[in-house]
Amino acid sequence: MITIAIRVRELVSSNVDNLVGKAGDPRKMLRLLQSEIEETLIALHGDAAKAKRQRDRLEDTAVRIAAGAEEWTGKAKIAVDHGREDLARAALLTREAERAKAADATAAAAALGDQIAEAAAVITDLEAKRTAITARIAEMVKAEAAARPAAAAATDTHVDRRIDRIDALERRAGFVDVPGEAPSPASLDDEIAGLQKASAIEAELAALKAAAPTPAKKAAGKKR
């Protein structure tokens, strides 16, 4: 199956003058090429719009997850204040996991943004190619009309309609895919990063415990 990406490259790189020179029926060939460009532009506009919607959803998701992640810091402090170190540790680990999810969503949105920009550039190239082909067809029609009696010009209408009927491009797969979930970390670097994260959690937990009110502090406060 010819993918839309390959077909776009072929259409953009096609040399109109060379194609006209080699074609047995230049005008028919140009109309076929024009029709394929129209089909491809429709597909690209649709895929770009879909990618924009996906990017916007990912950006919103990243903001929402990032905001929720920071709430776990306060929850960890509450747990420490009540002597629940286990709950505090779990809260801090959850915060880090949520931060990672937000970062992944942000990266996926940025990747879609790059693909949207690339699609816009391709659309511009194809539209320029379409304009050139349309102008070339108009020149051919004008030249043919001048070379034959005016009465014969009316016979072209039916022929042109038949030329315009071409098979639609094969349905394509989506232009962008949202990145799938990354595999579970198994490398040495990932393990070391996990150890560093655990150390940071323990340090933050110790700081929360040090700041938490102790029985002695509470008693001193009551005496005052």
N, C-alpha and C. Protein backbone atom coordinates (compact mmCIF):
# COMPACT_ATOMS: atom_id res chain seq x y z
N MET A 1 0.85 -1.20 0.00
CA MET A 1 0.00 0.00 0.00
C MET A 1 0.88 1.25 0.00
N ILE A 2 0.52 2.21 -0.86
CA ILE A 2 1.26 3.47 -0.92
C ILE A 2 0.80 4.36 0.23
N THR A 3 1.72 4.70 1.09
CA THR A 3 1.34 5.55 2.22
C THR A 3 1.22 6.99 1.76
N ILE A 4 0.48 7.76 2.51
CA ILE A 4 0.28 9.16 2.13
C ILE A 4 1.58 9.95 2.18
N ALA A 5 2.48 9.56 3.09
CA ALA A 5 3.76 10.28 3.19
C ALA A 5 4.58 10.09 1.92
N ILE A 6 4.64 8.86 1.40
CA ILE A 6 5.38 8.60 0.18
C ILE A 6 4.74 9.33 -0.99
N ARG A 7 3.41 9.29 -1.06
CA ARG A 7 2.72 9.93 -2.17
C ARG A 7 2.93 11.44 -2.15
N VAL A 8 2.95 12.03 -0.97
CA VAL A 8 3.19 13.47 -0.87
C VAL A 8 4.56 13.82 -1.43
N ARG A 9 5.58 13.03 -1.09
CA ARG A 9 6.92 13.30 -1.60
C ARG A 9 6.95 13.22 -3.12
N GLU A 10 6.26 12.24 -3.68
CA GLU A 10 6.21 12.09 -5.14
C GLU A 10 5.54 13.29 -5.80
N LEU A 11 4.44 13.74 -5.21
CA LEU A 11 3.71 14.85 -5.80
C LEU A 11 4.51 16.15 -5.73
N VAL A 12 5.14 16.39 -4.57
CA VAL A 12 5.89 17.63 -4.40
C VAL A 12 7.11 17.66 -5.31
N SER A 13 7.76 16.51 -5.48
CA SER A 13 8.99 16.47 -6.27
C SER A 13 8.75 16.31 -7.77
N SER A 14 7.51 16.08 -8.19
CA SER A 14 7.24 15.86 -9.60
C SER A 14 7.56 17.11 -10.42
N ASN A 15 8.18 16.91 -11.57
CA ASN A 15 8.54 18.00 -12.46
C ASN A 15 7.49 18.09 -13.56
N VAL A 16 6.73 19.16 -13.55
CA VAL A 16 5.61 19.29 -14.49
C VAL A 16 6.10 19.28 -15.93
N ASP A 17 7.17 20.01 -16.23
CA ASP A 17 7.66 20.08 -17.60
C ASP A 17 8.08 18.70 -18.12
N ASN A 18 8.79 17.94 -17.28
CA ASN A 18 9.22 16.61 -17.70
C ASN A 18 8.02 15.69 -17.92
N LEU A 19 7.03 15.79 -17.03
CA LEU A 19 5.85 14.94 -17.16
C LEU A 19 5.09 15.26 -18.44
N VAL A 20 4.97 16.53 -18.75
CA VAL A 20 4.26 16.95 -19.96
C VAL A 20 4.99 16.45 -21.20
N GLY A 21 6.32 16.54 -21.17
CA GLY A 21 7.10 16.12 -22.32
C GLY A 21 7.00 14.64 -22.61
N LYS A 22 6.83 13.83 -21.55
CA LYS A 22 6.80 12.38 -21.72
C LYS A 22 5.39 11.84 -21.95
N ALA A 23 4.38 12.61 -21.61
CA ALA A 23 3.00 12.12 -21.65
C ALA A 23 2.47 12.09 -23.08
N GLY A 24 1.71 11.05 -23.40
CA GLY A 24 1.06 10.99 -24.69
C GLY A 24 -0.07 12.00 -24.79
N ASP A 25 -0.77 12.20 -23.68
CA ASP A 25 -1.84 13.19 -23.61
C ASP A 25 -1.52 14.11 -22.42
N PRO A 26 -0.77 15.16 -22.65
CA PRO A 26 -0.29 16.02 -21.54
C PRO A 26 -1.42 16.58 -20.69
N ARG A 27 -2.49 17.03 -21.34
CA ARG A 27 -3.56 17.65 -20.55
C ARG A 27 -4.24 16.62 -19.65
N LYS A 28 -4.43 15.43 -20.15
CA LYS A 28 -5.04 14.38 -19.34
C LYS A 28 -4.14 14.04 -18.15
N MET A 29 -2.84 13.95 -18.42
CA MET A 29 -1.90 13.64 -17.34
C MET A 29 -1.92 14.72 -16.27
N LEU A 30 -1.96 15.99 -16.70
CA LEU A 30 -1.98 17.09 -15.74
C LEU A 30 -3.27 17.09 -14.92
N ARG A 31 -4.37 16.76 -15.54
CA ARG A 31 -5.64 16.72 -14.79
C ARG A 31 -5.62 15.59 -13.76
N LEU A 32 -5.04 14.46 -14.14
CA LEU A 32 -4.91 13.37 -13.17
C LEU A 32 -4.04 13.78 -11.99
N LEU A 33 -2.92 14.42 -12.28
CA LEU A 33 -2.02 14.88 -11.22
C LEU A 33 -2.71 15.92 -10.35
N GLN A 34 -3.45 16.82 -10.97
CA GLN A 34 -4.20 17.84 -10.24
C GLN A 34 -5.21 17.20 -9.29
N SER A 35 -5.90 16.18 -9.77
CA SER A 35 -6.89 15.50 -8.94
C SER A 35 -6.24 14.79 -7.75
N GLU A 36 -5.09 14.17 -7.98
CA GLU A 36 -4.39 13.50 -6.88
C GLU A 36 -3.92 14.51 -5.84
N ILE A 37 -3.46 15.66 -6.30
CA ILE A 37 -3.04 16.70 -5.35
C ILE A 37 -4.24 17.17 -4.52
N GLU A 38 -5.40 17.34 -5.16
CA GLU A 38 -6.60 17.76 -4.42
C GLU A 38 -6.96 16.74 -3.35
N GLU A 39 -6.92 15.45 -3.72
CA GLU A 39 -7.24 14.39 -2.75
C GLU A 39 -6.25 14.41 -1.58
N THR A 40 -4.98 14.58 -1.90
CA THR A 40 -3.96 14.58 -0.85
C THR A 40 -4.09 15.79 0.06
N LEU A 41 -4.41 16.94 -0.50
CA LEU A 41 -4.61 18.14 0.32
C LEU A 41 -5.78 17.96 1.29
N ILE A 42 -6.85 17.35 0.80
CA ILE A 42 -8.01 17.09 1.68
C ILE A 42 -7.59 16.20 2.84
N ALA A 43 -6.82 15.14 2.51
CA ALA A 43 -6.37 14.21 3.55
C ALA A 43 -5.46 14.90 4.56
N LEU A 44 -4.53 15.71 4.06
CA LEU A 44 -3.59 16.39 4.95
C LEU A 44 -4.28 17.41 5.86
N HIS A 45 -5.23 18.15 5.30
CA HIS A 45 -5.97 19.11 6.13
C HIS A 45 -6.73 18.37 7.24
N GLY A 46 -7.33 17.24 6.89
CA GLY A 46 -8.05 16.47 7.89
C GLY A 46 -7.15 15.94 8.97
N ASP A 47 -5.98 15.39 8.56
CA ASP A 47 -5.05 14.84 9.54
C ASP A 47 -4.44 15.93 10.42
N ALA A 48 -4.17 17.09 9.83
CA ALA A 48 -3.62 18.19 10.62
C ALA A 48 -4.62 18.67 11.67
N ALA A 49 -5.89 18.73 11.28
CA ALA A 49 -6.93 19.14 12.24
C ALA A 49 -7.03 18.12 13.38
N LYS A 50 -6.96 16.83 13.03
CA LYS A 50 -7.01 15.78 14.05
C LYS A 50 -5.81 15.89 15.00
N ALA A 51 -4.63 16.14 14.43
CA ALA A 51 -3.43 16.27 15.25
C ALA A 51 -3.52 17.47 16.19
N LYS A 52 -4.10 18.56 15.72
CA LYS A 52 -4.26 19.75 16.58
C LYS A 52 -5.17 19.45 17.75
N ARG A 53 -6.25 18.70 17.49
CA ARG A 53 -7.16 18.34 18.59
C ARG A 53 -6.44 17.45 19.60
N GLN A 54 -5.66 16.49 19.10
CA GLN A 54 -4.91 15.60 20.00
C GLN A 54 -3.88 16.38 20.80
N ARG A 55 -3.20 17.33 20.14
CA ARG A 55 -2.20 18.14 20.85
C ARG A 55 -2.85 18.96 21.96
N ASP A 56 -3.99 19.59 21.66
CA ASP A 56 -4.68 20.40 22.66
C ASP A 56 -5.12 19.55 23.85
N ARG A 57 -5.61 18.34 23.57
CA ARG A 57 -6.02 17.46 24.67
C ARG A 57 -4.83 17.08 25.53
N LEU A 58 -3.70 16.79 24.89
CA LEU A 58 -2.51 16.40 25.65
C LEU A 58 -2.00 17.57 26.49
N GLU A 59 -2.03 18.77 25.94
CA GLU A 59 -1.58 19.93 26.71
C GLU A 59 -2.48 20.16 27.93
N ASP A 60 -3.79 20.03 27.73
CA ASP A 60 -4.71 20.18 28.85
C ASP A 60 -4.48 19.10 29.91
N THR A 61 -4.24 17.87 29.44
CA THR A 61 -3.99 16.76 30.35
C THR A 61 -2.73 17.00 31.16
N ALA A 62 -1.67 17.48 30.48
CA ALA A 62 -0.40 17.74 31.17
C ALA A 62 -0.57 18.78 32.27
N VAL A 63 -1.31 19.84 31.99
CA VAL A 63 -1.53 20.90 32.99
C VAL A 63 -2.32 20.34 34.17
N ARG A 64 -3.36 19.57 33.86
CA ARG A 64 -4.20 19.02 34.93
C ARG A 64 -3.42 18.05 35.82
N ILE A 65 -2.64 17.16 35.21
CA ILE A 65 -1.87 16.18 35.98
C ILE A 65 -0.79 16.87 36.81
N ALA A 66 -0.13 17.87 36.21
CA ALA A 66 0.94 18.58 36.93
C ALA A 66 0.38 19.29 38.16
N ALA A 67 -0.80 19.89 38.02
CA ALA A 67 -1.41 20.58 39.17
C ALA A 67 -1.78 19.58 40.26
N GLY A 68 -2.34 18.45 39.85
CA GLY A 68 -2.71 17.44 40.84
C GLY A 68 -1.51 16.83 41.53
N ALA A 69 -0.39 16.72 40.80
CA ALA A 69 0.81 16.12 41.38
C ALA A 69 1.31 16.92 42.57
N GLU A 70 1.26 18.25 42.46
CA GLU A 70 1.79 19.08 43.54
C GLU A 70 0.93 19.02 44.80
N GLU A 71 -0.30 18.59 44.68
CA GLU A 71 -1.16 18.47 45.87
C GLU A 71 -0.67 17.36 46.80
N TRP A 72 0.08 16.40 46.23
CA TRP A 72 0.56 15.30 47.07
C TRP A 72 1.61 15.73 48.08
N THR A 73 2.28 16.86 47.83
CA THR A 73 3.26 17.34 48.81
C THR A 73 2.55 17.73 50.11
N GLY A 74 1.45 18.46 49.98
CA GLY A 74 0.69 18.83 51.17
C GLY A 74 0.11 17.61 51.88
N LYS A 75 -0.32 16.62 51.10
CA LYS A 75 -0.86 15.41 51.72
C LYS A 75 0.22 14.66 52.50
N ALA A 76 1.46 14.69 51.96
CA ALA A 76 2.56 14.03 52.67
C ALA A 76 2.83 14.72 54.01
N LYS A 77 2.75 16.04 54.04
CA LYS A 77 2.97 16.78 55.29
C LYS A 77 1.89 16.45 56.32
N ILE A 78 0.65 16.34 55.86
CA ILE A 78 -0.43 15.99 56.77
C ILE A 78 -0.17 14.62 57.38
N ALA A 79 0.28 13.66 56.54
CA ALA A 79 0.55 12.31 57.03
C ALA A 79 1.66 12.32 58.07
N VAL A 80 2.72 13.11 57.84
CA VAL A 80 3.83 13.19 58.80
C VAL A 80 3.35 13.80 60.11
N ASP A 81 2.52 14.84 60.01
CA ASP A 81 2.00 15.50 61.21
C ASP A 81 1.21 14.53 62.08
N HIS A 82 0.65 13.50 61.47
CA HIS A 82 -0.12 12.51 62.21
C HIS A 82 0.67 11.23 62.47
N GLY A 83 1.98 11.33 62.27
CA GLY A 83 2.83 10.19 62.58
C GLY A 83 2.74 9.04 61.59
N ARG A 84 2.21 9.27 60.40
CA ARG A 84 2.09 8.21 59.40
C ARG A 84 3.17 8.38 58.33
N GLU A 85 4.37 7.97 58.68
CA GLU A 85 5.49 8.07 57.75
C GLU A 85 5.27 7.24 56.50
N ASP A 86 4.62 6.07 56.65
CA ASP A 86 4.36 5.22 55.48
C ASP A 86 3.47 5.91 54.47
N LEU A 87 2.44 6.58 54.98
CA LEU A 87 1.54 7.30 54.08
C LEU A 87 2.25 8.49 53.42
N ALA A 88 3.10 9.15 54.18
CA ALA A 88 3.83 10.29 53.63
C ALA A 88 4.75 9.85 52.51
N ARG A 89 5.45 8.74 52.72
CA ARG A 89 6.34 8.23 51.68
C ARG A 89 5.56 7.87 50.42
N ALA A 90 4.42 7.20 50.60
CA ALA A 90 3.59 6.82 49.45
C ALA A 90 3.08 8.06 48.71
N ALA A 91 2.75 9.11 49.46
CA ALA A 91 2.26 10.34 48.84
C ALA A 91 3.35 10.99 47.99
N LEU A 92 4.57 11.01 48.51
CA LEU A 92 5.67 11.62 47.75
C LEU A 92 6.00 10.81 46.50
N LEU A 93 5.95 9.49 46.61
CA LEU A 93 6.18 8.65 45.43
C LEU A 93 5.10 8.85 44.38
N THR A 94 3.87 9.01 44.84
CA THR A 94 2.76 9.27 43.91
C THR A 94 2.96 10.60 43.20
N ARG A 95 3.43 11.59 43.95
CA ARG A 95 3.68 12.90 43.34
C ARG A 95 4.70 12.80 42.20
N GLU A 96 5.77 12.02 42.45
CA GLU A 96 6.79 11.88 41.41
C GLU A 96 6.25 11.15 40.18
N ALA A 97 5.42 10.15 40.41
CA ALA A 97 4.84 9.40 39.29
C ALA A 97 3.92 10.31 38.46
N GLU A 98 3.15 11.16 39.14
CA GLU A 98 2.26 12.08 38.44
C GLU A 98 3.05 13.15 37.67
N ARG A 99 4.15 13.59 38.25
CA ARG A 99 5.01 14.54 37.53
C ARG A 99 5.54 13.92 36.24
N ALA A 100 5.93 12.64 36.33
CA ALA A 100 6.44 11.96 35.14
C ALA A 100 5.36 11.84 34.06
N LYS A 101 4.12 11.56 34.47
CA LYS A 101 3.03 11.47 33.51
C LYS A 101 2.80 12.82 32.82
N ALA A 102 2.86 13.89 33.61
CA ALA A 102 2.67 15.22 33.04
C ALA A 102 3.78 15.54 32.04
N ALA A 103 5.01 15.15 32.36
CA ALA A 103 6.13 15.39 31.44
C ALA A 103 5.95 14.61 30.15
N ASP A 104 5.48 13.37 30.25
CA ASP A 104 5.24 12.55 29.05
C ASP A 104 4.18 13.18 28.17
N ALA A 105 3.10 13.67 28.77
CA ALA A 105 2.03 14.30 28.00
C ALA A 105 2.53 15.57 27.31
N THR A 106 3.37 16.33 28.01
CA THR A 106 3.93 17.55 27.42
C THR A 106 4.82 17.22 26.23
N ALA A 107 5.65 16.17 26.37
CA ALA A 107 6.53 15.76 25.28
C ALA A 107 5.73 15.28 24.07
N ALA A 108 4.66 14.52 24.32
CA ALA A 108 3.82 14.03 23.23
C ALA A 108 3.15 15.20 22.50
N ALA A 109 2.69 16.20 23.26
CA ALA A 109 2.07 17.38 22.64
C ALA A 109 3.08 18.14 21.78
N ALA A 110 4.33 18.24 22.26
CA ALA A 110 5.37 18.93 21.49
C ALA A 110 5.67 18.18 20.19
N ALA A 111 5.69 16.83 20.25
CA ALA A 111 5.94 16.04 19.05
C ALA A 111 4.83 16.25 18.03
N LEU A 112 3.59 16.30 18.50
CA LEU A 112 2.47 16.57 17.59
C LEU A 112 2.58 17.96 16.99
N GLY A 113 3.04 18.93 17.78
CA GLY A 113 3.22 20.27 17.27
C GLY A 113 4.22 20.30 16.11
N ASP A 114 5.30 19.52 16.24
CA ASP A 114 6.28 19.44 15.16
C ASP A 114 5.67 18.84 13.90
N GLN A 115 4.86 17.80 14.08
CA GLN A 115 4.23 17.15 12.93
C GLN A 115 3.20 18.07 12.27
N ILE A 116 2.51 18.86 13.08
CA ILE A 116 1.54 19.82 12.52
C ILE A 116 2.27 20.86 11.67
N ALA A 117 3.41 21.34 12.16
CA ALA A 117 4.19 22.32 11.41
C ALA A 117 4.69 21.72 10.10
N GLU A 118 5.12 20.47 10.16
CA GLU A 118 5.59 19.79 8.95
C GLU A 118 4.46 19.64 7.94
N ALA A 119 3.28 19.29 8.43
CA ALA A 119 2.12 19.14 7.55
C ALA A 119 1.77 20.47 6.89
N ALA A 120 1.87 21.57 7.64
CA ALA A 120 1.57 22.89 7.09
C ALA A 120 2.54 23.23 5.96
N ALA A 121 3.82 22.87 6.14
CA ALA A 121 4.81 23.14 5.09
C ALA A 121 4.51 22.32 3.84
N VAL A 122 4.13 21.07 4.02
CA VAL A 122 3.81 20.21 2.88
C VAL A 122 2.57 20.73 2.15
N ILE A 123 1.58 21.16 2.92
CA ILE A 123 0.36 21.72 2.31
C ILE A 123 0.70 22.93 1.45
N THR A 124 1.60 23.78 1.95
CA THR A 124 2.01 24.96 1.17
C THR A 124 2.66 24.55 -0.15
N ASP A 125 3.55 23.54 -0.08
CA ASP A 125 4.21 23.06 -1.29
C ASP A 125 3.22 22.48 -2.29
N LEU A 126 2.28 21.69 -1.79
CA LEU A 126 1.29 21.08 -2.69
C LEU A 126 0.38 22.13 -3.31
N GLU A 127 0.00 23.12 -2.53
CA GLU A 127 -0.86 24.18 -3.09
C GLU A 127 -0.13 24.96 -4.18
N ALA A 128 1.16 25.18 -4.02
CA ALA A 128 1.95 25.85 -5.05
C ALA A 128 2.02 24.98 -6.31
N LYS A 129 2.19 23.66 -6.11
CA LYS A 129 2.23 22.74 -7.25
C LYS A 129 0.88 22.72 -7.96
N ARG A 130 -0.20 22.73 -7.20
CA ARG A 130 -1.54 22.74 -7.80
C ARG A 130 -1.77 24.01 -8.62
N THR A 131 -1.32 25.14 -8.09
CA THR A 131 -1.47 26.41 -8.82
C THR A 131 -0.72 26.37 -10.15
N ALA A 132 0.50 25.82 -10.12
CA ALA A 132 1.30 25.74 -11.35
C ALA A 132 0.63 24.83 -12.38
N ILE A 133 0.08 23.71 -11.92
CA ILE A 133 -0.58 22.78 -12.83
C ILE A 133 -1.85 23.40 -13.41
N THR A 134 -2.62 24.08 -12.59
CA THR A 134 -3.85 24.73 -13.06
C THR A 134 -3.53 25.76 -14.14
N ALA A 135 -2.46 26.53 -13.92
CA ALA A 135 -2.06 27.53 -14.91
C ALA A 135 -1.62 26.86 -16.20
N ARG A 136 -0.91 25.73 -16.07
CA ARG A 136 -0.43 25.02 -17.27
C ARG A 136 -1.61 24.45 -18.07
N ILE A 137 -2.59 23.91 -17.39
CA ILE A 137 -3.78 23.39 -18.07
C ILE A 137 -4.51 24.51 -18.79
N ALA A 138 -4.63 25.66 -18.13
CA ALA A 138 -5.30 26.81 -18.75
C ALA A 138 -4.58 27.24 -20.03
N GLU A 139 -3.26 27.21 -20.01
CA GLU A 139 -2.48 27.56 -21.19
C GLU A 139 -2.76 26.58 -22.33
N MET A 140 -2.82 25.28 -22.00
CA MET A 140 -3.09 24.26 -23.02
C MET A 140 -4.47 24.43 -23.63
N VAL A 141 -5.46 24.68 -22.76
CA VAL A 141 -6.84 24.87 -23.24
C VAL A 141 -6.90 26.07 -24.18
N LYS A 142 -6.23 27.15 -23.77
CA LYS A 142 -6.24 28.36 -24.60
C LYS A 142 -5.57 28.11 -25.95
N ALA A 143 -4.45 27.39 -25.94
CA ALA A 143 -3.73 27.11 -27.18
C ALA A 143 -4.55 26.21 -28.09
N GLU A 144 -5.21 25.21 -27.51
CA GLU A 144 -6.02 24.30 -28.31
C GLU A 144 -7.23 25.02 -28.91
N ALA A 145 -7.82 25.91 -28.12
CA ALA A 145 -8.98 26.65 -28.61
C ALA A 145 -8.61 27.55 -29.78
N ALA A 146 -7.41 28.10 -29.72
CA ALA A 146 -6.97 28.99 -30.79
C ALA A 146 -6.60 28.21 -32.06
N ALA A 147 -6.27 26.92 -31.90
CA ALA A 147 -5.81 26.13 -33.03
C ALA A 147 -6.93 25.41 -33.76
N ARG A 148 -8.14 25.44 -33.29
CA ARG A 148 -9.23 24.73 -33.95
C ARG A 148 -10.44 25.65 -34.09
N PRO A 149 -11.36 25.30 -34.94
CA PRO A 149 -12.57 26.12 -35.11
C PRO A 149 -13.33 26.26 -33.79
N ALA A 150 -13.98 27.38 -33.60
CA ALA A 150 -14.72 27.63 -32.36
C ALA A 150 -15.81 26.60 -32.15
N ALA A 151 -16.39 26.09 -33.22
CA ALA A 151 -17.48 25.11 -33.07
C ALA A 151 -17.02 23.82 -32.45
N ALA A 152 -15.75 23.48 -32.66
CA ALA A 152 -15.23 22.21 -32.12
C ALA A 152 -14.95 22.30 -30.63
N ALA A 153 -14.86 23.53 -30.10
CA ALA A 153 -14.52 23.68 -28.68
C ALA A 153 -15.58 23.08 -27.77
N ALA A 154 -16.84 23.06 -28.22
CA ALA A 154 -17.91 22.55 -27.38
C ALA A 154 -17.79 21.05 -27.14
N THR A 155 -17.10 20.35 -28.03
CA THR A 155 -16.99 18.89 -27.87
C THR A 155 -16.09 18.49 -26.71
N ASP A 156 -15.31 19.44 -26.19
CA ASP A 156 -14.38 19.10 -25.11
C ASP A 156 -15.06 18.89 -23.77
N THR A 157 -16.26 19.44 -23.61
CA THR A 157 -16.91 19.38 -22.30
C THR A 157 -17.08 17.96 -21.81
N HIS A 158 -17.60 17.09 -22.66
CA HIS A 158 -17.84 15.70 -22.26
C HIS A 158 -16.52 14.98 -22.00
N VAL A 159 -15.53 15.23 -22.84
CA VAL A 159 -14.23 14.58 -22.66
C VAL A 159 -13.59 15.00 -21.34
N ASP A 160 -13.67 16.29 -21.04
CA ASP A 160 -13.07 16.78 -19.79
C ASP A 160 -13.72 16.15 -18.58
N ARG A 161 -15.04 15.95 -18.64
CA ARG A 161 -15.72 15.32 -17.50
C ARG A 161 -15.21 13.90 -17.31
N ARG A 162 -14.98 13.18 -18.37
CA ARG A 162 -14.49 11.81 -18.24
C ARG A 162 -13.05 11.79 -17.74
N ILE A 163 -12.25 12.75 -18.19
CA ILE A 163 -10.86 12.81 -17.73
C ILE A 163 -10.79 13.08 -16.23
N ASP A 164 -11.75 13.89 -15.75
CA ASP A 164 -11.73 14.27 -14.33
C ASP A 164 -12.07 13.11 -13.41
N ARG A 165 -12.62 12.01 -13.93
CA ARG A 165 -12.98 10.88 -13.08
C ARG A 165 -11.74 10.01 -12.87
N ILE A 166 -11.18 10.05 -11.73
CA ILE A 166 -10.04 9.19 -11.41
C ILE A 166 -10.35 8.47 -10.11
N ASP A 167 -9.65 7.39 -9.92
CA ASP A 167 -9.84 6.64 -8.67
C ASP A 167 -9.27 7.43 -7.50
N ALA A 168 -10.00 7.42 -6.40
CA ALA A 168 -9.53 8.12 -5.20
C ALA A 168 -8.28 7.42 -4.67
N LEU A 169 -7.46 8.20 -4.01
CA LEU A 169 -6.28 7.60 -3.38
C LEU A 169 -6.72 6.57 -2.34
N GLU A 170 -5.88 5.55 -2.16
CA GLU A 170 -6.18 4.57 -1.12
C GLU A 170 -6.29 5.27 0.21
N ARG A 171 -7.27 4.78 0.97
CA ARG A 171 -7.42 5.34 2.31
C ARG A 171 -6.13 5.13 3.07
N ARG A 172 -5.74 6.15 3.77
CA ARG A 172 -4.48 6.09 4.46
C ARG A 172 -4.65 5.82 5.95
N ALA A 173 -3.54 5.45 6.53
CA ALA A 173 -3.54 5.36 7.99
C ALA A 173 -3.45 6.78 8.51
N GLY A 174 -3.67 7.00 9.85
CA GLY A 174 -3.62 8.35 10.41
C GLY A 174 -2.27 8.99 10.15
N PHE A 175 -2.27 10.33 9.94
CA PHE A 175 -1.03 11.05 9.66
C PHE A 175 -0.11 11.08 10.85
N VAL A 176 -0.66 11.22 12.16
CA VAL A 176 0.15 11.22 13.37
C VAL A 176 -0.42 10.22 14.33
N ASP A 177 0.43 9.60 14.98
CA ASP A 177 0.03 8.69 16.04
C ASP A 177 0.51 9.26 17.34
N VAL A 178 -0.40 9.22 18.30
CA VAL A 178 0.00 9.66 19.63
C VAL A 178 0.97 8.64 20.18
N PRO A 179 2.07 9.05 20.63
CA PRO A 179 3.04 8.11 21.15
C PRO A 179 2.43 7.18 22.18
N GLY A 180 2.78 5.90 22.05
CA GLY A 180 2.26 4.91 22.99
C GLY A 180 3.01 4.97 24.30
N GLU A 181 2.62 4.14 25.20
CA GLU A 181 3.26 4.11 26.51
C GLU A 181 4.69 3.57 26.38
N ALA A 182 5.63 4.17 27.12
CA ALA A 182 7.01 3.72 27.09
C ALA A 182 7.13 2.40 27.83
N PRO A 183 8.08 1.54 27.43
CA PRO A 183 8.26 0.26 28.12
C PRO A 183 8.76 0.48 29.54
N SER A 184 8.60 -0.51 30.39
CA SER A 184 9.05 -0.42 31.78
C SER A 184 10.57 -0.27 31.82
N PRO A 185 11.10 0.62 32.69
CA PRO A 185 12.56 0.82 32.73
C PRO A 185 13.28 -0.43 33.18
N ALA A 186 14.34 -0.82 32.45
CA ALA A 186 15.09 -2.01 32.82
C ALA A 186 16.59 -1.76 32.76
N SER A 187 17.00 -0.62 32.21
CA SER A 187 18.43 -0.36 32.03
C SER A 187 19.06 0.07 33.35
N LEU A 188 20.38 0.04 33.36
CA LEU A 188 21.13 0.44 34.54
C LEU A 188 20.88 1.91 34.88
N ASP A 189 20.84 2.76 33.84
CA ASP A 189 20.59 4.18 34.09
C ASP A 189 19.25 4.40 34.76
N ASP A 190 18.24 3.65 34.34
CA ASP A 190 16.91 3.80 34.95
C ASP A 190 16.94 3.38 36.42
N GLU A 191 17.67 2.28 36.71
CA GLU A 191 17.74 1.82 38.10
C GLU A 191 18.44 2.85 38.98
N ILE A 192 19.54 3.42 38.44
CA ILE A 192 20.27 4.43 39.21
C ILE A 192 19.40 5.66 39.43
N ALA A 193 18.65 6.06 38.37
CA ALA A 193 17.75 7.20 38.51
C ALA A 193 16.69 6.93 39.57
N GLY A 194 16.22 5.67 39.63
CA GLY A 194 15.24 5.31 40.65
C GLY A 194 15.81 5.42 42.05
N LEU A 195 17.09 5.00 42.20
CA LEU A 195 17.73 5.12 43.51
C LEU A 195 17.87 6.59 43.92
N GLN A 196 18.24 7.43 42.94
CA GLN A 196 18.37 8.86 43.24
C GLN A 196 17.04 9.46 43.65
N LYS A 197 15.97 9.05 42.97
CA LYS A 197 14.65 9.57 43.29
C LYS A 197 14.25 9.13 44.70
N ALA A 198 14.54 7.86 45.02
CA ALA A 198 14.20 7.35 46.34
C ALA A 198 14.95 8.13 47.43
N SER A 199 16.23 8.45 47.15
CA SER A 199 17.01 9.22 48.12
C SER A 199 16.40 10.61 48.33
N ALA A 200 15.96 11.21 47.23
CA ALA A 200 15.34 12.54 47.33
C ALA A 200 14.06 12.48 48.14
N ILE A 201 13.28 11.42 47.94
CA ILE A 201 12.03 11.26 48.69
C ILE A 201 12.32 11.12 50.18
N GLU A 202 13.33 10.29 50.51
CA GLU A 202 13.67 10.08 51.92
C GLU A 202 14.15 11.38 52.57
N ALA A 203 14.94 12.18 51.81
CA ALA A 203 15.42 13.45 52.35
C ALA A 203 14.27 14.42 52.60
N GLU A 204 13.33 14.45 51.66
CA GLU A 204 12.19 15.35 51.83
C GLU A 204 11.31 14.88 52.99
N LEU A 205 11.16 13.55 53.11
CA LEU A 205 10.37 13.00 54.20
C LEU A 205 11.00 13.33 55.55
N ALA A 206 12.34 13.24 55.62
CA ALA A 206 13.04 13.57 56.87
C ALA A 206 12.83 15.04 57.23
N ALA A 207 12.85 15.91 56.20
CA ALA A 207 12.64 17.34 56.46
C ALA A 207 11.24 17.60 56.98
N LEU A 208 10.26 16.89 56.42
CA LEU A 208 8.88 17.05 56.89
C LEU A 208 8.74 16.57 58.34
N LYS A 209 9.42 15.48 58.66
CA LYS A 209 9.35 14.95 60.03
C LYS A 209 9.99 15.92 61.01
N ALA A 210 11.11 16.53 60.58
CA ALA A 210 11.80 17.46 61.47
C ALA A 210 10.95 18.69 61.76
N ALA A 211 10.15 19.08 60.75
CA ALA A 211 9.31 20.27 60.93
C ALA A 211 8.00 19.96 61.64
N ALA A 212 7.66 18.68 61.74
CA ALA A 212 6.38 18.30 62.35
C ALA A 212 6.42 18.54 63.86
N PRO A 213 5.29 18.90 64.46
CA PRO A 213 5.26 19.13 65.92
C PRO A 213 5.43 17.82 66.69
N THR A 214 6.34 17.81 67.68
CA THR A 214 6.58 16.63 68.51
C THR A 214 5.80 16.78 69.81
N PRO A 215 5.63 15.69 70.58
CA PRO A 215 4.93 15.79 71.88
C PRO A 215 5.56 16.83 72.80
N ALA A 216 6.93 16.90 72.76
CA ALA A 216 7.59 17.88 73.63
C ALA A 216 7.26 19.30 73.20
N LYS A 217 7.23 19.52 71.85
CA LYS A 217 6.91 20.85 71.36
C LYS A 217 5.47 21.22 71.69
N LYS A 218 4.58 20.22 71.56
CA LYS A 218 3.18 20.49 71.86
C LYS A 218 3.01 20.84 73.34
N ALA A 219 3.74 20.11 74.23
CA ALA A 219 3.61 20.37 75.68
C ALA A 219 4.15 21.76 76.01
N ALA A 220 5.28 22.12 75.38
CA ALA A 220 5.85 23.45 75.63
C ALA A 220 4.88 24.53 75.19
N GLY A 221 4.22 24.26 74.11
CA GLY A 221 3.27 25.24 73.61
C GLY A 221 2.11 25.43 74.55
N LYS A 222 1.65 24.33 75.15
CA LYS A 222 0.51 24.41 76.08
C LYS A 222 0.91 25.18 77.35
N LYS A 223 2.15 24.96 77.86
CA LYS A 223 2.60 25.66 79.07
C LYS A 223 2.62 27.16 78.85
N ARG A 224 3.01 27.57 77.64
CA ARG A 224 3.01 28.98 77.35
C ARG A 224 1.60 29.55 77.31
